Amino acid sequence: MFSVLRNRTYRHLFAAQALALLGTGLATVALGLLAYDLAGGDASAVLGTAMAVKMAAYVGIAPVVGALADRVPRRALLVAADLARGVVALALPFVTEVWQVYVLIFLLQSASAAFTPTFQATIPEVLPAERDYTRALSLSRLAYDMESLFSPVLAAGLLTLLTYDRLFLGTAAGFAASAALVVSVTLPKPTPREPGGARGGAFARAAYGMRLFGSAPRLRALLALNLAVAAAGAMVVVNTVVLVRDHFARSVGEVSLALGAFGAGSMAVALALPRVLERVGDRAVMLPAAFVPAPVLAVVGAGLAGGVRAWPALLAAWAVLGAATSAMVTPTGRLIRRSVPARADLPAAFAAQFSLSHVAWLLTYPLAGYLAARAGTAAAAGVLAAVGLAAAVAAVLLWRPAGAGRTAGAAPGAYRPAGGARLTRDRTTTAA
């Protein structure tokens, strides 16, 4: 899997991603402490609102950036996003009011919404071979999991030497290093759009990116898979601390252990997937994985309702959920690249996926929190299990095996993009 790091351009981009993620992890810890300083006992409400602001930025900004990605040099766009995030991080220690936190978080996450889908759309052009790109996707997933595991540990170590506001300096340094690495390589130029592609202003072109997801059944199925991932992830992210501290009466440190179990499951699958995907298609991995969270959450809910306090069982359940979500998320880039063969449409497609996937999180985060607060964590697990099962069934219905229900006269693998032009995938993109 690590052989792709021999490619200098990809190696620098991967390092840039890893450093930016590390900075983001430090900011997450520091932001929680800042919220407590500003709001005291209402810190949870501040952080919850900040999370909603983050998702709103992701949903609203990413499609617009994707629509403009072919007009701006990618290196300039990535560097500008990193520098903007660094400036915001440097401003955070100086806030004195809660509303200032919300404004800065919106600016920070808007820059992230510009960086991430542009970065994702660049990698398949840097690594055009399917084998290499698959390994890059697994490495990217591994970077996210490593950040979730090690950023809190690094932050805890730094906090023994520094005050929490100095962590924002580490965040800014991570973004600055990311920008320097991006500057050090030459990236592919934006591809001019072909006739039949997106036209009009930024918002019309952003809508085109959304419409691409109606052009191929696999992308419609991906919308359902996004919901299945969010149902499982929201239960873990929102309710782990409540379960560990209240239901299991365990220490603060064991909150990290539970979250680490989720990350460990995700990492294990990310490491194994390149070889698996060489033998079977994306569909054979992603759809079975979609049916895993529902029974796991149902069992967790039943155990919580029955007063069961089997700590190892919770760790195992979280590890399985991490593995299932990784199996659904990691091949997403392959799926988009195969379903949207026009190179010029890739930035719009990745931006649309970034935005639409966060719509699912925007739905499940408050659902998980509201149900846990009002009806208990057992009820939250049960409802999210039902949501996950419905999403999995929808994905299967939308993503039929290759050749099923093909229109008479249609070429194998053909699809009609949002602009109406008919494109046909080449031989490398026909496998499901």
Protein backbone atom coordinates (compact mmCIF):
# COMPACT_ATOMS: atom_id res chain seq x y z
CA MET A 1 0.00 0.00 0.00
CA PHE A 2 2.83 2.41 0.81
CA SER A 3 4.43 1.96 -2.62
CA VAL A 4 2.44 4.96 -3.93
CA LEU A 5 4.54 7.20 -1.70
CA ARG A 6 7.35 6.78 -4.22
CA ASN A 7 5.44 9.27 -6.37
CA ARG A 8 6.91 12.61 -5.24
CA THR A 9 3.82 14.66 -5.99
CA TYR A 10 1.51 12.31 -4.15
CA ARG A 11 3.98 11.94 -1.27
CA HIS A 12 3.99 15.70 -0.71
CA LEU A 13 0.20 15.91 -1.02
CA PHE A 14 -0.30 13.07 1.45
CA ALA A 15 2.08 14.72 3.92
CA ALA A 16 0.19 17.99 3.46
CA GLN A 17 -3.09 16.23 4.23
CA ALA A 18 -1.64 14.50 7.30
CA LEU A 19 -0.20 17.74 8.73
CA ALA A 20 -3.43 19.65 8.11
CA LEU A 21 -5.38 16.89 9.87
CA LEU A 22 -2.98 16.99 12.82
CA GLY A 23 -3.52 20.73 13.11
CA THR A 24 -7.27 20.23 12.96
CA GLY A 25 -7.09 17.66 15.74
CA LEU A 26 -5.20 20.06 18.01
CA ALA A 27 -7.77 22.75 17.25
CA THR A 28 -10.60 20.41 18.21
CA VAL A 29 -9.16 19.88 21.69
CA ALA A 30 -8.33 23.57 22.14
CA LEU A 31 -11.76 24.64 20.94
CA GLY A 32 -13.45 22.51 23.60
CA LEU A 33 -11.36 24.15 26.32
CA LEU A 34 -11.99 27.60 24.85
CA ALA A 35 -15.75 26.96 24.85
CA TYR A 36 -15.56 25.94 28.51
CA ASP A 37 -13.70 29.15 29.38
CA LEU A 38 -16.29 31.28 27.57
CA ALA A 39 -19.49 29.43 28.49
CA GLY A 40 -18.74 27.26 31.51
CA GLY A 41 -21.53 24.73 31.98
CA ASP A 42 -23.03 25.71 28.62
CA ALA A 43 -19.90 24.61 26.76
CA SER A 44 -21.73 21.60 25.28
CA ALA A 45 -24.32 23.88 23.71
CA VAL A 46 -21.54 26.08 22.28
CA LEU A 47 -19.75 23.08 20.79
CA GLY A 48 -23.01 21.67 19.43
CA THR A 49 -23.76 24.94 17.70
CA ALA A 50 -20.19 25.11 16.40
CA MET A 51 -20.66 21.63 14.93
CA ALA A 52 -23.86 22.75 13.21
CA VAL A 53 -22.02 25.80 11.83
CA LYS A 54 -19.29 23.49 10.56
CA MET A 55 -21.77 21.25 8.73
CA ALA A 56 -23.59 24.25 7.27
CA ALA A 57 -20.30 25.52 5.85
CA TYR A 58 -19.52 22.11 4.38
CA VAL A 59 -22.95 21.76 2.79
CA GLY A 60 -23.14 25.28 1.39
CA ILE A 61 -19.57 26.10 0.35
CA ALA A 62 -18.21 22.89 -1.18
CA PRO A 63 -20.51 22.79 -4.27
CA VAL A 64 -19.72 26.41 -5.13
CA VAL A 65 -15.98 25.79 -4.86
CA GLY A 66 -16.32 22.66 -6.98
CA ALA A 67 -18.14 24.69 -9.62
CA LEU A 68 -15.24 27.17 -9.77
CA ALA A 69 -12.42 24.62 -9.55
CA ASP A 70 -11.78 24.57 -13.30
CA ARG A 71 -11.24 28.35 -13.33
CA VAL A 72 -8.60 28.53 -10.58
CA PRO A 73 -5.18 26.80 -10.52
CA ARG A 74 -5.50 23.95 -8.05
CA ARG A 75 -2.24 24.66 -6.28
CA ALA A 76 -3.29 28.26 -5.70
CA LEU A 77 -6.68 27.16 -4.40
CA LEU A 78 -5.22 24.59 -1.99
CA VAL A 79 -2.57 26.98 -0.69
CA ALA A 80 -5.10 29.79 -0.23
CA ALA A 81 -7.38 27.47 1.75
CA ASP A 82 -4.50 26.37 4.00
CA LEU A 83 -3.36 29.94 4.63
CA ALA A 84 -6.93 31.05 5.39
CA ARG A 85 -7.28 28.23 7.93
CA GLY A 86 -3.98 29.19 9.51
CA VAL A 87 -5.03 32.83 9.92
CA VAL A 88 -8.32 31.81 11.54
CA ALA A 89 -6.48 29.47 13.92
CA LEU A 90 -4.22 32.34 14.99
CA ALA A 91 -7.27 34.51 15.66
CA LEU A 92 -9.10 31.98 17.86
CA PRO A 93 -7.06 32.58 21.06
CA PHE A 94 -8.11 36.23 21.02
CA VAL A 95 -11.89 35.75 21.01
CA THR A 96 -13.84 37.04 23.99
CA GLU A 97 -17.42 36.30 22.95
CA VAL A 98 -19.18 33.10 21.91
CA TRP A 99 -20.50 34.62 18.67
CA GLN A 100 -16.92 35.26 17.59
CA VAL A 101 -16.24 31.54 17.89
CA TYR A 102 -19.11 30.81 15.51
CA VAL A 103 -17.89 33.32 12.93
CA LEU A 104 -14.34 32.02 13.00
CA ILE A 105 -15.47 28.39 12.86
CA PHE A 106 -17.57 29.19 9.79
CA LEU A 107 -14.56 30.79 8.09
CA LEU A 108 -12.28 27.91 9.08
CA GLN A 109 -14.65 25.22 7.85
CA SER A 110 -15.46 27.15 4.67
CA ALA A 111 -11.76 27.00 3.84
CA SER A 112 -11.78 23.27 4.62
CA ALA A 113 -14.77 22.86 2.32
CA ALA A 114 -12.63 24.42 -0.42
CA PHE A 115 -9.53 22.36 0.35
CA THR A 116 -10.85 18.83 0.82
CA PRO A 117 -12.88 18.20 -2.38
CA THR A 118 -10.23 19.94 -4.51
CA PHE A 119 -7.59 17.72 -2.92
CA GLN A 120 -9.74 14.63 -3.51
CA ALA A 121 -10.30 15.51 -7.17
CA THR A 122 -6.55 16.02 -7.71
CA ILE A 123 -5.38 12.62 -6.47
CA PRO A 124 -6.91 10.49 -9.31
CA GLU A 125 -5.10 12.72 -11.81
CA VAL A 126 -1.79 12.44 -9.96
CA LEU A 127 -2.25 8.65 -9.70
CA PRO A 128 -4.20 7.62 -12.82
CA ALA A 129 -3.56 3.87 -12.42
CA GLU A 130 -6.45 2.13 -10.64
CA ARG A 131 -4.13 0.10 -8.41
CA ASP A 132 -2.25 3.16 -7.21
CA TYR A 133 -5.39 5.21 -6.69
CA THR A 134 -6.96 2.47 -4.58
CA ARG A 135 -3.91 2.47 -2.33
CA ALA A 136 -4.04 6.25 -2.07
CA LEU A 137 -7.65 6.08 -0.90
CA SER A 138 -6.71 3.61 1.83
CA LEU A 139 -3.81 5.83 2.92
CA SER A 140 -6.16 8.81 3.06
CA ARG A 141 -8.56 6.89 5.28
CA LEU A 142 -5.64 5.80 7.42
CA ALA A 143 -4.60 9.44 7.84
CA TYR A 144 -8.06 10.36 9.14
CA ASP A 145 -8.02 7.46 11.60
CA MET A 146 -4.51 8.25 12.80
CA GLU A 147 -5.56 11.85 13.40
CA SER A 148 -8.53 10.77 15.52
CA LEU A 149 -6.32 8.43 17.55
CA PHE A 150 -3.16 10.46 18.05
CA SER A 151 -4.20 14.12 18.00
CA PRO A 152 -5.85 13.88 21.46
CA VAL A 153 -2.75 12.11 22.81
CA LEU A 154 -0.44 14.77 21.37
CA ALA A 155 -2.71 17.51 22.69
CA ALA A 156 -2.70 15.95 26.15
CA GLY A 157 1.11 15.86 26.13
CA LEU A 158 1.41 19.45 24.98
CA LEU A 159 -1.08 20.62 27.60
CA THR A 160 1.30 19.43 30.32
CA LEU A 161 3.78 22.03 29.03
CA LEU A 162 1.62 24.76 27.48
CA THR A 163 -1.68 26.52 28.00
CA TYR A 164 -4.47 25.42 25.69
CA ASP A 165 -4.43 28.62 23.62
CA ARG A 166 -0.93 27.68 22.42
CA LEU A 167 -2.45 24.63 20.73
CA PHE A 168 -3.90 26.99 18.13
CA LEU A 169 -0.31 27.87 17.22
CA GLY A 170 0.25 24.19 16.49
CA THR A 171 -2.87 24.24 14.32
CA ALA A 172 -1.58 27.23 12.35
CA ALA A 173 1.83 25.57 11.99
CA GLY A 174 0.18 22.43 10.58
CA PHE A 175 -1.69 24.45 7.96
CA ALA A 176 1.43 26.45 7.07
CA ALA A 177 3.43 23.24 6.59
CA SER A 178 0.61 21.82 4.46
CA ALA A 179 0.68 24.93 2.24
CA ALA A 180 4.47 24.68 1.87
CA LEU A 181 4.24 21.06 0.76
CA VAL A 182 1.56 21.89 -1.81
CA VAL A 183 3.72 24.74 -3.18
CA SER A 184 6.63 22.31 -3.58
CA VAL A 185 4.92 20.25 -6.31
CA THR A 186 3.37 20.86 -9.69
CA LEU A 187 -0.27 19.85 -9.91
CA PRO A 188 -2.39 19.02 -12.98
CA LYS A 189 -4.07 22.01 -14.58
CA PRO A 190 -7.86 22.25 -14.45
CA THR A 191 -9.43 20.53 -17.45
CA PRO A 192 -11.61 22.72 -19.68
CA ARG A 193 -15.22 21.63 -19.68
CA GLU A 194 -16.56 19.92 -22.77
CA PRO A 195 -19.81 20.88 -24.53
CA GLY A 196 -22.76 19.53 -22.57
CA GLY A 197 -21.09 20.13 -19.24
CA ALA A 198 -21.89 22.72 -16.64
CA ARG A 199 -22.70 26.22 -17.87
CA GLY A 200 -23.69 29.53 -16.35
CA GLY A 201 -22.65 31.13 -13.11
CA ALA A 202 -21.22 29.58 -9.98
CA PHE A 203 -24.56 28.45 -8.56
CA ALA A 204 -25.69 26.91 -11.86
CA ARG A 205 -22.40 25.04 -12.05
CA ALA A 206 -22.75 23.95 -8.42
CA ALA A 207 -26.20 22.55 -9.21
CA TYR A 208 -24.61 20.65 -12.09
CA GLY A 209 -22.33 18.90 -9.60
CA MET A 210 -25.39 17.84 -7.60
CA ARG A 211 -27.16 16.64 -10.75
CA LEU A 212 -24.23 14.39 -11.58
CA PHE A 213 -25.41 12.20 -8.72
CA GLY A 214 -28.64 11.57 -10.62
CA SER A 215 -26.73 10.49 -13.73
CA ALA A 216 -25.49 7.11 -12.49
CA PRO A 217 -27.31 4.58 -10.28
CA ARG A 218 -24.13 3.95 -8.29
CA LEU A 219 -23.96 7.59 -7.26
CA ARG A 220 -27.60 7.56 -6.20
CA ALA A 221 -26.76 4.51 -4.12
CA LEU A 222 -23.81 6.42 -2.68
CA LEU A 223 -26.26 8.95 -1.21
CA ALA A 224 -27.93 6.11 0.70
CA LEU A 225 -24.54 4.76 1.80
CA ASN A 226 -23.66 8.21 3.14
CA LEU A 227 -26.71 7.99 5.39
CA ALA A 228 -25.75 4.50 6.59
CA VAL A 229 -22.28 5.78 7.49
CA ALA A 230 -23.67 8.83 9.28
CA ALA A 231 -26.17 6.77 11.30
CA ALA A 232 -23.38 4.61 12.72
CA GLY A 233 -20.88 7.44 13.13
CA ALA A 234 -23.30 9.80 14.84
CA MET A 235 -24.04 7.24 17.54
CA VAL A 236 -20.32 6.88 18.23
CA VAL A 237 -19.34 10.56 18.04
CA VAL A 238 -22.30 12.01 19.94
CA ASN A 239 -23.04 9.38 22.56
CA THR A 240 -19.75 7.69 23.44
CA VAL A 241 -18.94 10.12 26.23
CA VAL A 242 -22.40 9.66 27.78
CA LEU A 243 -22.19 5.88 27.58
CA VAL A 244 -18.69 5.68 29.04
CA ARG A 245 -19.21 8.18 31.85
CA ASP A 246 -22.83 7.48 32.83
CA HIS A 247 -23.83 3.98 31.76
CA PHE A 248 -20.47 2.30 32.37
CA ALA A 249 -19.28 4.75 35.08
CA ARG A 250 -15.78 4.79 33.67
CA SER A 251 -13.08 7.47 33.61
CA VAL A 252 -12.53 10.27 31.14
CA GLY A 253 -9.50 8.46 29.75
CA GLU A 254 -11.64 5.51 28.73
CA VAL A 255 -13.70 7.78 26.48
CA SER A 256 -10.57 7.95 24.32
CA LEU A 257 -10.26 4.16 24.54
CA ALA A 258 -13.79 3.67 23.20
CA LEU A 259 -13.25 6.15 20.38
CA GLY A 260 -9.92 4.47 19.72
CA ALA A 261 -11.68 1.13 19.27
CA PHE A 262 -13.80 2.69 16.51
CA GLY A 263 -10.67 4.12 14.88
CA ALA A 264 -8.80 0.81 15.18
CA GLY A 265 -11.58 -1.04 13.36
CA SER A 266 -11.53 1.58 10.63
CA MET A 267 -7.75 1.41 10.27
CA ALA A 268 -7.73 -2.39 10.03
CA VAL A 269 -10.14 -2.32 7.11
CA ALA A 270 -8.34 0.57 5.40
CA LEU A 271 -5.11 -1.43 5.48
CA ALA A 272 -6.77 -4.56 4.08
CA LEU A 273 -8.97 -3.00 1.39
CA PRO A 274 -6.42 -2.49 -1.43
CA ARG A 275 -5.89 -6.24 -1.80
CA VAL A 276 -9.58 -6.98 -1.31
CA LEU A 277 -10.64 -4.50 -3.97
CA GLU A 278 -8.20 -6.08 -6.43
CA ARG A 279 -10.19 -9.32 -6.15
CA VAL A 280 -13.76 -8.03 -5.84
CA GLY A 281 -15.54 -4.87 -6.97
CA ASP A 282 -16.62 -1.88 -4.95
CA ARG A 283 -20.21 -3.12 -4.86
CA ALA A 284 -19.23 -6.42 -3.25
CA VAL A 285 -17.50 -4.53 -0.43
CA MET A 286 -19.70 -1.50 0.14
CA LEU A 287 -23.18 -3.01 0.08
CA PRO A 288 -22.55 -5.87 2.55
CA ALA A 289 -20.82 -3.39 4.85
CA ALA A 290 -23.94 -1.19 4.76
CA PHE A 291 -25.94 -3.96 6.49
CA VAL A 292 -23.50 -4.28 9.42
CA PRO A 293 -24.30 -1.15 11.52
CA ALA A 294 -28.04 -1.83 11.90
CA PRO A 295 -27.77 -5.16 13.81
CA VAL A 296 -24.79 -3.91 15.82
CA LEU A 297 -26.68 -0.81 16.92
CA ALA A 298 -29.80 -2.87 17.60
CA VAL A 299 -27.83 -5.20 19.89
CA VAL A 300 -26.20 -2.23 21.63
CA GLY A 301 -29.62 -0.64 22.15
CA ALA A 302 -31.09 -3.85 23.54
CA GLY A 303 -28.14 -4.24 25.92
CA LEU A 304 -28.46 -0.66 27.14
CA ALA A 305 -32.21 -1.06 27.65
CA GLY A 306 -31.59 -4.23 29.65
CA GLY A 307 -28.99 -2.59 31.87
CA VAL A 308 -26.11 -4.69 30.52
CA ARG A 309 -22.72 -3.21 31.37
CA ALA A 310 -20.32 -5.37 29.36
CA TRP A 311 -17.48 -2.96 28.66
CA PRO A 312 -15.56 -5.29 26.27
CA ALA A 313 -18.76 -5.73 24.27
CA LEU A 314 -19.04 -1.98 23.71
CA LEU A 315 -15.41 -1.81 22.56
CA ALA A 316 -16.03 -4.69 20.17
CA ALA A 317 -19.23 -3.08 18.84
CA TRP A 318 -17.45 0.22 18.21
CA ALA A 319 -14.59 -1.59 16.43
CA VAL A 320 -17.08 -3.37 14.16
CA LEU A 321 -18.85 -0.08 13.40
CA GLY A 322 -15.49 1.50 12.55
CA ALA A 323 -14.68 -1.38 10.20
CA ALA A 324 -18.07 -1.17 8.48
CA THR A 325 -17.93 2.59 7.95
CA SER A 326 -14.39 2.34 6.57
CA ALA A 327 -15.51 -0.33 4.10
CA MET A 328 -18.23 2.03 2.86
CA VAL A 329 -16.18 5.24 2.84
CA THR A 330 -12.76 4.17 1.53
CA PRO A 331 -13.83 3.06 -1.99
CA THR A 332 -15.93 6.21 -2.52
CA GLY A 333 -13.28 7.92 -4.64
CA ARG A 334 -13.06 4.91 -6.96
CA LEU A 335 -16.82 4.88 -7.30
CA ILE A 336 -16.98 8.56 -8.24
CA ARG A 337 -14.12 8.32 -10.71
CA ARG A 338 -15.73 5.35 -12.44
CA SER A 339 -19.17 6.90 -12.51
CA VAL A 340 -18.05 10.33 -13.74
CA PRO A 341 -15.47 9.59 -16.45
CA ALA A 342 -15.28 13.17 -17.77
CA ARG A 343 -12.13 14.49 -16.10
CA ALA A 344 -13.44 18.06 -16.07
CA ASP A 345 -16.46 16.95 -13.99
CA LEU A 346 -14.43 15.35 -11.19
CA PRO A 347 -14.03 18.49 -9.02
CA ALA A 348 -17.78 19.16 -9.19
CA ALA A 349 -18.56 15.51 -8.39
CA PHE A 350 -16.19 15.35 -5.41
CA ALA A 351 -17.50 18.68 -4.11
CA ALA A 352 -21.07 17.40 -4.42
CA GLN A 353 -20.17 14.22 -2.53
CA PHE A 354 -18.45 16.24 0.19
CA SER A 355 -21.53 18.41 0.58
CA LEU A 356 -24.17 15.68 0.30
CA SER A 357 -22.38 13.34 2.70
CA HIS A 358 -22.39 16.10 5.31
CA VAL A 359 -26.12 16.61 4.78
CA ALA A 360 -26.47 13.08 6.16
CA TRP A 361 -24.33 14.00 9.18
CA LEU A 362 -26.33 17.19 9.64
CA LEU A 363 -29.43 14.99 9.99
CA THR A 364 -27.99 12.25 12.19
CA TYR A 365 -25.93 14.35 14.63
CA PRO A 366 -28.94 16.17 16.14
CA LEU A 367 -31.05 13.01 15.90
CA ALA A 368 -28.50 11.06 17.95
CA GLY A 369 -28.14 13.85 20.52
CA TYR A 370 -31.83 14.72 20.86
CA LEU A 371 -32.97 11.11 21.23
CA ALA A 372 -30.25 10.32 23.78
CA ALA A 373 -31.17 13.39 25.84
CA ARG A 374 -34.94 12.87 25.67
CA ALA A 375 -35.44 9.12 25.45
CA GLY A 376 -32.09 7.62 26.42
CA THR A 377 -29.13 6.15 24.55
CA ALA A 378 -30.93 2.85 24.03
CA ALA A 379 -33.66 4.59 22.06
CA ALA A 380 -31.07 6.55 20.09
CA ALA A 381 -29.28 3.33 19.14
CA GLY A 382 -32.56 1.71 18.08
CA VAL A 383 -33.69 4.60 15.89
CA LEU A 384 -30.27 4.97 14.27
CA ALA A 385 -30.27 1.22 13.61
CA ALA A 386 -33.58 1.64 11.74
CA VAL A 387 -32.17 4.58 9.77
CA GLY A 388 -29.08 2.57 8.87
CA LEU A 389 -31.12 -0.43 7.75
CA ALA A 390 -33.40 1.70 5.57
CA ALA A 391 -30.33 3.33 3.99
CA ALA A 392 -28.73 -0.06 3.30
CA VAL A 393 -31.89 -1.40 1.64
CA ALA A 394 -32.14 1.75 -0.49
CA ALA A 395 -28.52 1.36 -1.60
CA VAL A 396 -29.13 -2.21 -2.75
CA LEU A 397 -32.25 -1.22 -4.67
CA LEU A 398 -30.47 1.68 -6.35
CA TRP A 399 -27.21 -0.11 -7.16
CA ARG A 400 -28.08 -3.22 -9.13
CA PRO A 401 -25.45 -5.61 -10.52
CA ALA A 402 -23.79 -4.65 -13.80
CA GLY A 403 -26.14 -5.28 -16.72
CA ALA A 404 -29.32 -5.52 -14.65
CA GLY A 405 -32.13 -3.46 -16.12
CA ARG A 406 -29.96 -2.09 -18.95
CA THR A 407 -31.89 -0.09 -21.49
CA ALA A 408 -32.05 -1.67 -24.91
CA GLY A 409 -29.33 -0.30 -27.15
CA ALA A 410 -27.35 1.28 -24.32
CA ALA A 411 -23.65 0.64 -24.32
CA PRO A 412 -22.32 -1.20 -21.27
CA GLY A 413 -21.27 1.33 -18.67
CA ALA A 414 -22.77 4.30 -20.47
CA TYR A 415 -24.36 7.12 -18.55
CA ARG A 416 -25.91 10.47 -19.33
CA PRO A 417 -24.34 13.38 -17.46
CA ALA A 418 -26.40 16.23 -16.17
CA GLY A 419 -25.85 18.33 -19.28
CA GLY A 420 -27.38 15.66 -21.54
CA ALA A 421 -24.23 14.56 -23.41
CA ARG A 422 -23.70 10.82 -23.59
CA LEU A 423 -20.36 9.49 -22.39
CA THR A 424 -19.08 5.94 -22.27
CA ARG A 425 -16.54 4.69 -19.76
CA ASP A 426 -13.39 3.06 -21.03
CA ARG A 427 -12.46 -0.51 -20.22
CA THR A 428 -10.86 0.40 -16.91
CA THR A 429 -14.11 1.69 -15.48
CA THR A 430 -16.61 -1.02 -16.27
CA ALA A 431 -16.07 -3.23 -13.23
CA ALA A 432 -18.63 -2.66 -10.53
